[in-house]
Amino acid sequence: MFVKGNTIQAVFAGEGAGRKLLALGGSMMMTEIAFQKGSIGEIHSHVHEQISYIVQGSFDFTLDGKVQRVEKGDSIYIPSNTLHGVKALEDESIILDIFTPKRDDFL
C-alpha cells in the first residue's frame, strides 16, 4: 500500500490541530497531526498502544502525569490505557502517531 500524504485531507482534531490518516493495514494505523502554537491535545487514554514521533516543532508532552519537553527527532512509547496529551510550543508542530490495534474511532 502506498499513500501520498499530499492527497490526504486533514480532519479537525481540536482547536488549531488537523489529523491525516496516512496508512492503515492489518492491526496497525499511522496518523499525522499538525498543531499550531498553543494548541492542546487533551489528556486522554485508549486501549491502543501508541508510538509518537516528533517530525517538526516541539511540545510539552504529558505521559502518565509527567511532563517533558520533546522536539524534532524525539519519540515516545505510550502503553495501553496510559493517560497522555500534548501542548504545541511552536506553529506547524507535527507528530506522527502509530497505533496498534488500529483506531476505529478515527475511521
N, C-alpha and C. Protein backbone atom coordinates (compact mmCIF):
# COMPACT_ATOMS: atom_id res chain seq x y z
N MET A 1 0.84 -1.18 0.00
CA MET A 1 0.00 0.00 0.00
C MET A 1 0.89 1.24 0.00
N PHE A 2 0.63 2.13 -0.93
CA PHE A 2 1.30 3.43 -0.98
C PHE A 2 0.27 4.50 -0.68
N VAL A 3 0.66 5.48 0.14
CA VAL A 3 -0.23 6.59 0.47
C VAL A 3 0.54 7.88 0.19
N LYS A 4 -0.02 8.73 -0.66
CA LYS A 4 0.58 10.03 -0.96
C LYS A 4 0.01 11.05 0.02
N GLY A 5 0.85 11.49 0.96
CA GLY A 5 0.41 12.39 2.03
C GLY A 5 -0.21 13.69 1.54
N ASN A 6 0.26 14.19 0.40
CA ASN A 6 -0.28 15.46 -0.08
C ASN A 6 -1.66 15.32 -0.71
N THR A 7 -2.17 14.09 -0.80
CA THR A 7 -3.52 13.88 -1.33
C THR A 7 -4.55 13.66 -0.21
N ILE A 8 -4.07 13.60 1.03
CA ILE A 8 -4.95 13.33 2.17
C ILE A 8 -5.43 14.65 2.77
N GLN A 9 -6.73 14.77 2.95
CA GLN A 9 -7.33 15.95 3.58
C GLN A 9 -7.30 15.80 5.10
N ALA A 10 -6.79 16.80 5.80
CA ALA A 10 -6.78 16.77 7.26
C ALA A 10 -8.19 16.97 7.80
N VAL A 11 -8.49 16.29 8.91
CA VAL A 11 -9.77 16.47 9.59
C VAL A 11 -9.51 17.18 10.92
N PHE A 12 -10.52 17.86 11.43
CA PHE A 12 -10.43 18.58 12.69
C PHE A 12 -10.04 17.64 13.82
N ALA A 13 -9.02 18.02 14.58
CA ALA A 13 -8.56 17.21 15.72
C ALA A 13 -8.43 18.07 16.97
N GLY A 14 -9.27 19.09 17.07
CA GLY A 14 -9.21 20.03 18.19
C GLY A 14 -8.81 21.39 17.67
N GLU A 15 -9.05 22.41 18.46
CA GLU A 15 -8.74 23.78 18.05
C GLU A 15 -7.27 23.91 17.68
N GLY A 16 -6.99 24.32 16.44
CA GLY A 16 -5.63 24.52 15.98
C GLY A 16 -4.90 23.25 15.59
N ALA A 17 -5.62 22.14 15.40
CA ALA A 17 -4.97 20.87 15.07
C ALA A 17 -5.74 20.14 13.96
N GLY A 18 -4.99 19.52 13.06
CA GLY A 18 -5.59 18.74 11.98
C GLY A 18 -4.91 17.39 11.87
N ARG A 19 -5.69 16.33 11.65
CA ARG A 19 -5.17 14.97 11.62
C ARG A 19 -5.37 14.36 10.23
N LYS A 20 -4.30 13.71 9.73
CA LYS A 20 -4.37 12.95 8.49
C LYS A 20 -4.19 11.47 8.79
N LEU A 21 -5.04 10.64 8.22
CA LEU A 21 -4.88 9.19 8.29
C LEU A 21 -3.98 8.80 7.13
N LEU A 22 -2.74 8.40 7.43
CA LEU A 22 -1.75 8.15 6.39
C LEU A 22 -1.72 6.71 5.90
N ALA A 23 -1.76 5.76 6.79
CA ALA A 23 -1.68 4.36 6.38
C ALA A 23 -2.48 3.51 7.36
N LEU A 24 -3.01 2.43 6.82
CA LEU A 24 -3.87 1.54 7.62
C LEU A 24 -3.77 0.16 7.02
N GLY A 25 -3.53 -0.82 7.85
CA GLY A 25 -3.50 -2.20 7.37
C GLY A 25 -3.31 -3.16 8.51
N GLY A 26 -3.93 -4.34 8.39
CA GLY A 26 -3.84 -5.32 9.46
C GLY A 26 -4.33 -4.71 10.76
N SER A 27 -3.51 -4.76 11.79
CA SER A 27 -3.91 -4.19 13.08
C SER A 27 -3.22 -2.87 13.38
N MET A 28 -2.57 -2.27 12.36
CA MET A 28 -1.82 -1.03 12.58
C MET A 28 -2.42 0.16 11.86
N MET A 29 -2.10 1.35 12.37
CA MET A 29 -2.56 2.59 11.77
C MET A 29 -1.51 3.67 12.03
N MET A 30 -1.33 4.57 11.04
CA MET A 30 -0.41 5.69 11.21
C MET A 30 -1.14 6.98 10.87
N THR A 31 -0.99 7.99 11.73
CA THR A 31 -1.61 9.29 11.51
C THR A 31 -0.56 10.39 11.69
N GLU A 32 -0.85 11.53 11.10
CA GLU A 32 -0.03 12.72 11.26
C GLU A 32 -0.93 13.82 11.79
N ILE A 33 -0.48 14.48 12.86
CA ILE A 33 -1.27 15.57 13.43
C ILE A 33 -0.41 16.83 13.42
N ALA A 34 -0.94 17.89 12.80
CA ALA A 34 -0.25 19.18 12.75
C ALA A 34 -0.94 20.13 13.74
N PHE A 35 -0.15 20.80 14.55
CA PHE A 35 -0.64 21.70 15.58
C PHE A 35 -0.10 23.11 15.35
N GLN A 36 -0.91 24.09 15.69
CA GLN A 36 -0.45 25.47 15.76
C GLN A 36 0.00 25.73 17.20
N LYS A 37 0.85 26.74 17.39
CA LYS A 37 1.38 27.07 18.72
C LYS A 37 0.24 27.27 19.70
N GLY A 38 0.36 26.63 20.86
CA GLY A 38 -0.63 26.75 21.92
C GLY A 38 -1.76 25.75 21.83
N SER A 39 -1.85 25.02 20.73
CA SER A 39 -2.91 24.01 20.60
C SER A 39 -2.67 22.86 21.57
N ILE A 40 -3.77 22.30 22.02
CA ILE A 40 -3.74 21.25 23.03
C ILE A 40 -4.29 19.95 22.47
N GLY A 41 -3.56 18.88 22.71
CA GLY A 41 -4.10 17.53 22.54
C GLY A 41 -4.49 17.10 23.95
N GLU A 42 -5.78 17.12 24.24
CA GLU A 42 -6.29 16.90 25.61
C GLU A 42 -5.77 15.59 26.21
N ILE A 43 -5.62 15.59 27.53
CA ILE A 43 -5.23 14.39 28.26
C ILE A 43 -6.31 13.33 28.05
N HIS A 44 -5.89 12.12 27.63
CA HIS A 44 -6.82 11.03 27.35
C HIS A 44 -6.07 9.70 27.42
N SER A 45 -6.81 8.64 27.34
CA SER A 45 -6.21 7.31 27.25
C SER A 45 -7.07 6.46 26.33
N HIS A 46 -6.51 5.36 25.87
CA HIS A 46 -7.23 4.42 25.00
C HIS A 46 -6.56 3.06 25.11
N VAL A 47 -7.25 2.04 24.64
CA VAL A 47 -6.72 0.68 24.76
C VAL A 47 -5.55 0.41 23.82
N HIS A 48 -5.34 1.27 22.85
CA HIS A 48 -4.31 1.07 21.84
C HIS A 48 -2.92 1.38 22.39
N GLU A 49 -1.91 0.61 21.99
CA GLU A 49 -0.53 1.02 22.20
C GLU A 49 -0.23 2.08 21.15
N GLN A 50 0.66 3.00 21.48
CA GLN A 50 0.96 4.12 20.57
C GLN A 50 2.44 4.45 20.64
N ILE A 51 3.01 4.75 19.49
CA ILE A 51 4.33 5.35 19.42
C ILE A 51 4.17 6.68 18.71
N SER A 52 4.71 7.74 19.31
CA SER A 52 4.65 9.07 18.72
C SER A 52 6.06 9.51 18.37
N TYR A 53 6.21 10.12 17.18
CA TYR A 53 7.49 10.63 16.71
C TYR A 53 7.30 12.11 16.37
N ILE A 54 8.18 12.95 16.90
CA ILE A 54 8.07 14.39 16.64
C ILE A 54 8.79 14.69 15.32
N VAL A 55 7.99 15.00 14.32
CA VAL A 55 8.50 15.27 12.98
C VAL A 55 9.06 16.69 12.89
N GLN A 56 8.37 17.62 13.55
CA GLN A 56 8.71 19.03 13.42
C GLN A 56 8.20 19.78 14.64
N GLY A 57 8.93 20.80 15.06
CA GLY A 57 8.47 21.63 16.17
C GLY A 57 8.80 21.04 17.53
N SER A 58 8.02 21.45 18.54
CA SER A 58 8.25 20.97 19.90
C SER A 58 6.94 21.00 20.68
N PHE A 59 6.91 20.20 21.74
CA PHE A 59 5.71 20.02 22.55
C PHE A 59 6.09 19.86 24.01
N ASP A 60 5.19 20.25 24.91
CA ASP A 60 5.20 19.74 26.27
C ASP A 60 4.31 18.50 26.22
N PHE A 61 4.90 17.34 26.46
CA PHE A 61 4.21 16.06 26.33
C PHE A 61 3.97 15.51 27.72
N THR A 62 2.71 15.26 28.05
CA THR A 62 2.35 14.67 29.33
C THR A 62 2.14 13.18 29.15
N LEU A 63 2.82 12.38 29.95
CA LEU A 63 2.70 10.92 29.90
C LEU A 63 2.62 10.41 31.32
N ASP A 64 1.47 9.85 31.66
CA ASP A 64 1.27 9.27 32.99
C ASP A 64 1.58 10.27 34.10
N GLY A 65 1.14 11.53 33.91
CA GLY A 65 1.29 12.56 34.92
C GLY A 65 2.61 13.31 34.90
N LYS A 66 3.55 12.88 34.08
CA LYS A 66 4.85 13.55 33.99
C LYS A 66 4.91 14.35 32.69
N VAL A 67 5.42 15.58 32.78
CA VAL A 67 5.53 16.45 31.60
C VAL A 67 7.00 16.54 31.20
N GLN A 68 7.24 16.36 29.91
CA GLN A 68 8.59 16.50 29.38
C GLN A 68 8.54 17.25 28.06
N ARG A 69 9.49 18.13 27.86
CA ARG A 69 9.61 18.83 26.57
C ARG A 69 10.20 17.86 25.56
N VAL A 70 9.55 17.74 24.39
CA VAL A 70 10.05 16.90 23.31
C VAL A 70 10.14 17.76 22.05
N GLU A 71 11.06 17.39 21.17
CA GLU A 71 11.27 18.17 19.95
C GLU A 71 11.61 17.25 18.79
N LYS A 72 11.78 17.86 17.63
CA LYS A 72 12.06 17.13 16.41
C LYS A 72 13.06 16.00 16.64
N GLY A 73 12.68 14.79 16.22
CA GLY A 73 13.55 13.63 16.35
C GLY A 73 13.29 12.78 17.57
N ASP A 74 12.52 13.29 18.53
CA ASP A 74 12.21 12.53 19.75
C ASP A 74 11.04 11.58 19.50
N SER A 75 10.98 10.50 20.27
CA SER A 75 9.86 9.57 20.18
C SER A 75 9.40 9.16 21.57
N ILE A 76 8.16 8.72 21.63
CA ILE A 76 7.52 8.38 22.90
C ILE A 76 6.73 7.09 22.71
N TYR A 77 6.89 6.13 23.62
CA TYR A 77 6.06 4.93 23.63
C TYR A 77 4.98 5.13 24.69
N ILE A 78 3.72 4.90 24.30
CA ILE A 78 2.59 5.08 25.21
C ILE A 78 1.88 3.73 25.36
N PRO A 79 2.01 3.11 26.54
CA PRO A 79 1.33 1.84 26.76
C PRO A 79 -0.19 1.97 26.72
N SER A 80 -0.86 0.89 26.52
CA SER A 80 -2.31 0.83 26.55
C SER A 80 -2.85 1.43 27.85
N ASN A 81 -3.94 2.21 27.73
CA ASN A 81 -4.66 2.78 28.88
C ASN A 81 -3.84 3.74 29.73
N THR A 82 -2.83 4.39 29.15
CA THR A 82 -2.00 5.35 29.87
C THR A 82 -2.42 6.77 29.49
N LEU A 83 -2.66 7.60 30.49
CA LEU A 83 -3.04 8.99 30.23
C LEU A 83 -1.89 9.75 29.56
N HIS A 84 -2.24 10.52 28.51
CA HIS A 84 -1.25 11.31 27.79
C HIS A 84 -1.91 12.46 27.06
N GLY A 85 -1.12 13.48 26.73
CA GLY A 85 -1.60 14.64 25.99
C GLY A 85 -0.43 15.55 25.66
N VAL A 86 -0.70 16.59 24.84
CA VAL A 86 0.37 17.48 24.41
C VAL A 86 -0.09 18.94 24.39
N LYS A 87 0.90 19.83 24.43
CA LYS A 87 0.69 21.25 24.13
C LYS A 87 1.78 21.64 23.14
N ALA A 88 1.37 22.18 21.99
CA ALA A 88 2.32 22.61 20.96
C ALA A 88 3.00 23.90 21.38
N LEU A 89 4.32 23.95 21.23
CA LEU A 89 5.10 25.11 21.63
C LEU A 89 5.50 25.98 20.44
N GLU A 90 5.25 25.50 19.21
CA GLU A 90 5.60 26.24 18.00
C GLU A 90 4.51 26.02 16.96
N ASP A 91 4.36 26.97 16.05
CA ASP A 91 3.48 26.76 14.90
C ASP A 91 4.02 25.63 14.03
N GLU A 92 3.10 24.95 13.37
CA GLU A 92 3.44 23.84 12.46
C GLU A 92 4.22 22.74 13.16
N SER A 93 3.90 22.46 14.41
CA SER A 93 4.48 21.32 15.11
C SER A 93 3.73 20.07 14.66
N ILE A 94 4.47 19.01 14.34
CA ILE A 94 3.86 17.81 13.74
C ILE A 94 4.28 16.57 14.50
N ILE A 95 3.28 15.72 14.80
CA ILE A 95 3.51 14.42 15.44
C ILE A 95 3.04 13.33 14.49
N LEU A 96 3.85 12.29 14.36
CA LEU A 96 3.47 11.08 13.63
C LEU A 96 3.13 10.04 14.68
N ASP A 97 1.89 9.53 14.66
CA ASP A 97 1.43 8.54 15.63
C ASP A 97 1.19 7.21 14.96
N ILE A 98 1.67 6.13 15.59
CA ILE A 98 1.41 4.78 15.13
C ILE A 98 0.66 4.06 16.24
N PHE A 99 -0.44 3.42 15.86
CA PHE A 99 -1.32 2.73 16.82
C PHE A 99 -1.44 1.26 16.46
N THR A 100 -1.56 0.44 17.50
CA THR A 100 -1.96 -0.95 17.33
C THR A 100 -2.80 -1.33 18.53
N PRO A 101 -3.98 -1.92 18.38
CA PRO A 101 -4.64 -2.09 17.08
C PRO A 101 -5.06 -0.74 16.51
N LYS A 102 -5.57 -0.76 15.28
CA LYS A 102 -5.98 0.48 14.63
C LYS A 102 -7.08 1.17 15.43
N ARG A 103 -7.17 2.48 15.28
CA ARG A 103 -8.18 3.29 15.97
C ARG A 103 -9.44 3.36 15.12
N ASP A 104 -10.39 2.49 15.37
CA ASP A 104 -11.64 2.51 14.62
C ASP A 104 -12.37 3.83 14.76
N ASP A 105 -12.17 4.54 15.89
CA ASP A 105 -12.82 5.83 16.08
C ASP A 105 -12.27 6.90 15.15
N PHE A 106 -11.14 6.66 14.50
CA PHE A 106 -10.57 7.60 13.53
C PHE A 106 -11.07 7.34 12.12
N LEU A 107 -11.72 6.22 11.91
CA LEU A 107 -12.17 5.85 10.54
C LEU A 107 -13.47 6.51 10.17
